[in-house]
């Protein structure tokens, strides 16, 4: 009247191979995670000094100085300095 199921089946070599493959994949992923954590840069690193040649001409203005609000290119330099060097968006908006 009731169906009988055989739950004592022996594992086959194929199922052992699948378990070893799964274990190998998991070990590989764990090793990659460890390498990623160890080699990841920390967020506390400060930017290194970057020397940018100060140039001001009729067509090109370059530099990394604080700038000012006397003209357009100087205002852009001031915004870039406040935003990227001082890392302050509020100061960048206030200066420009």
Protein backbone atom coordinates (compact mmCIF):
# COMPACT_ATOMS: atom_id res chain seq x y z
CA UNK A 1 0.00 0.00 0.00
CA UNK A 2 2.85 2.41 0.77
CA UNK A 3 5.78 2.94 -1.50
CA UNK A 4 9.15 1.92 -0.20
CA UNK A 5 12.20 4.01 -1.03
CA UNK A 6 15.74 2.80 -0.74
CA UNK A 7 17.61 5.55 1.15
CA UNK A 8 20.74 3.50 1.68
CA UNK A 9 22.17 3.96 -1.78
CA UNK A 10 25.93 4.09 -1.86
CA UNK A 11 27.58 7.21 -3.20
CA UNK A 12 29.07 6.86 -6.63
CA UNK A 13 32.52 7.95 -7.78
CA UNK A 14 30.79 10.62 -9.85
CA UNK A 15 29.22 12.23 -6.76
CA UNK A 16 32.62 12.22 -5.03
CA UNK A 17 34.15 13.95 -8.03
CA UNK A 18 31.42 16.63 -7.95
CA UNK A 19 32.07 17.23 -4.26
CA UNK A 20 35.80 17.65 -4.87
CA UNK A 21 35.14 20.06 -7.72
CA UNK A 22 32.75 22.09 -5.56
CA UNK A 23 35.27 22.12 -2.71
CA UNK A 24 38.03 23.25 -5.08
CA UNK A 25 35.87 26.07 -6.44
CA UNK A 26 35.04 27.25 -2.91
CA UNK A 27 38.70 27.16 -1.86
CA UNK A 28 39.64 29.12 -4.99
CA UNK A 29 37.00 31.77 -4.31
CA UNK A 30 38.12 32.04 -0.69
CA UNK A 31 41.73 32.51 -1.82
CA UNK A 32 40.69 35.24 -4.27
CA UNK A 33 38.73 36.99 -1.51
CA UNK A 34 41.76 36.93 0.79
CA UNK A 35 44.02 38.32 -1.95
CA UNK A 36 41.48 41.08 -2.70
CA UNK A 37 41.26 42.10 0.96
CA UNK A 38 45.01 42.06 1.48
CA UNK A 39 45.87 44.03 -1.67
CA UNK A 40 43.00 46.56 -1.51
CA UNK A 41 44.16 50.11 -0.85
CA UNK A 42 43.01 51.65 2.40
CA UNK A 43 40.75 54.69 2.25
CA UNK A 44 42.90 56.74 4.60
CA UNK A 45 45.66 57.36 2.06
CA UNK A 46 46.24 61.02 1.37
CA UNK A 47 46.96 62.18 -2.16
CA UNK A 48 50.59 62.72 -2.94
CA UNK A 49 51.89 66.07 -4.00
CA UNK A 50 51.33 66.73 -7.66
CA UNK A 51 53.41 69.34 -9.35
CA UNK A 52 51.51 71.05 -12.12
CA UNK A 53 53.32 73.69 -14.13
CA UNK A 54 51.71 77.10 -13.72
CA UNK A 55 51.01 78.52 -17.17
CA UNK A 56 48.85 81.47 -18.10
CA UNK A 57 48.43 82.50 -21.69
CA UNK A 58 45.71 83.84 -23.98
CA UNK A 59 44.53 80.34 -24.96
CA UNK A 60 45.74 78.03 -22.17
CA UNK A 61 45.71 78.28 -18.39
CA UNK A 62 47.10 75.44 -16.27
CA UNK A 63 48.03 75.09 -12.64
CA UNK A 64 47.07 73.64 -9.30
CA UNK A 65 47.05 76.83 -7.24
CA UNK A 66 44.15 78.15 -5.19
CA UNK A 67 42.97 80.55 -7.92
CA UNK A 68 40.72 83.53 -7.26
CA UNK A 69 37.64 85.24 -8.64
CA UNK A 70 39.26 87.89 -10.82
CA UNK A 71 38.46 86.15 -14.11
CA UNK A 72 36.98 82.94 -15.51
CA UNK A 73 40.10 80.76 -15.71
CA UNK A 74 41.20 81.80 -12.20
CA UNK A 75 37.73 80.96 -10.88
CA UNK A 76 37.90 77.52 -12.47
CA UNK A 77 41.33 76.96 -10.92
CA UNK A 78 39.90 78.04 -7.57
CA UNK A 79 36.98 75.63 -7.83
CA UNK A 80 39.24 72.76 -8.90
CA UNK A 81 41.65 73.44 -6.04
CA UNK A 82 38.87 73.59 -3.46
CA UNK A 83 37.10 70.50 -4.77
CA UNK A 84 40.01 68.21 -5.63
CA UNK A 85 42.83 69.35 -3.30
CA UNK A 86 40.92 70.58 -0.25
CA UNK A 87 38.16 68.02 -0.96
CA UNK A 88 35.44 70.45 -0.04
CA UNK A 89 32.46 70.91 -2.34
CA UNK A 90 31.09 73.63 -0.06
CA UNK A 91 34.30 75.64 -0.34
CA UNK A 92 34.33 75.10 -4.11
CA UNK A 93 30.82 76.55 -4.41
CA UNK A 94 31.64 79.43 -2.07
CA UNK A 95 34.81 80.39 -3.93
CA UNK A 96 33.34 80.34 -7.43
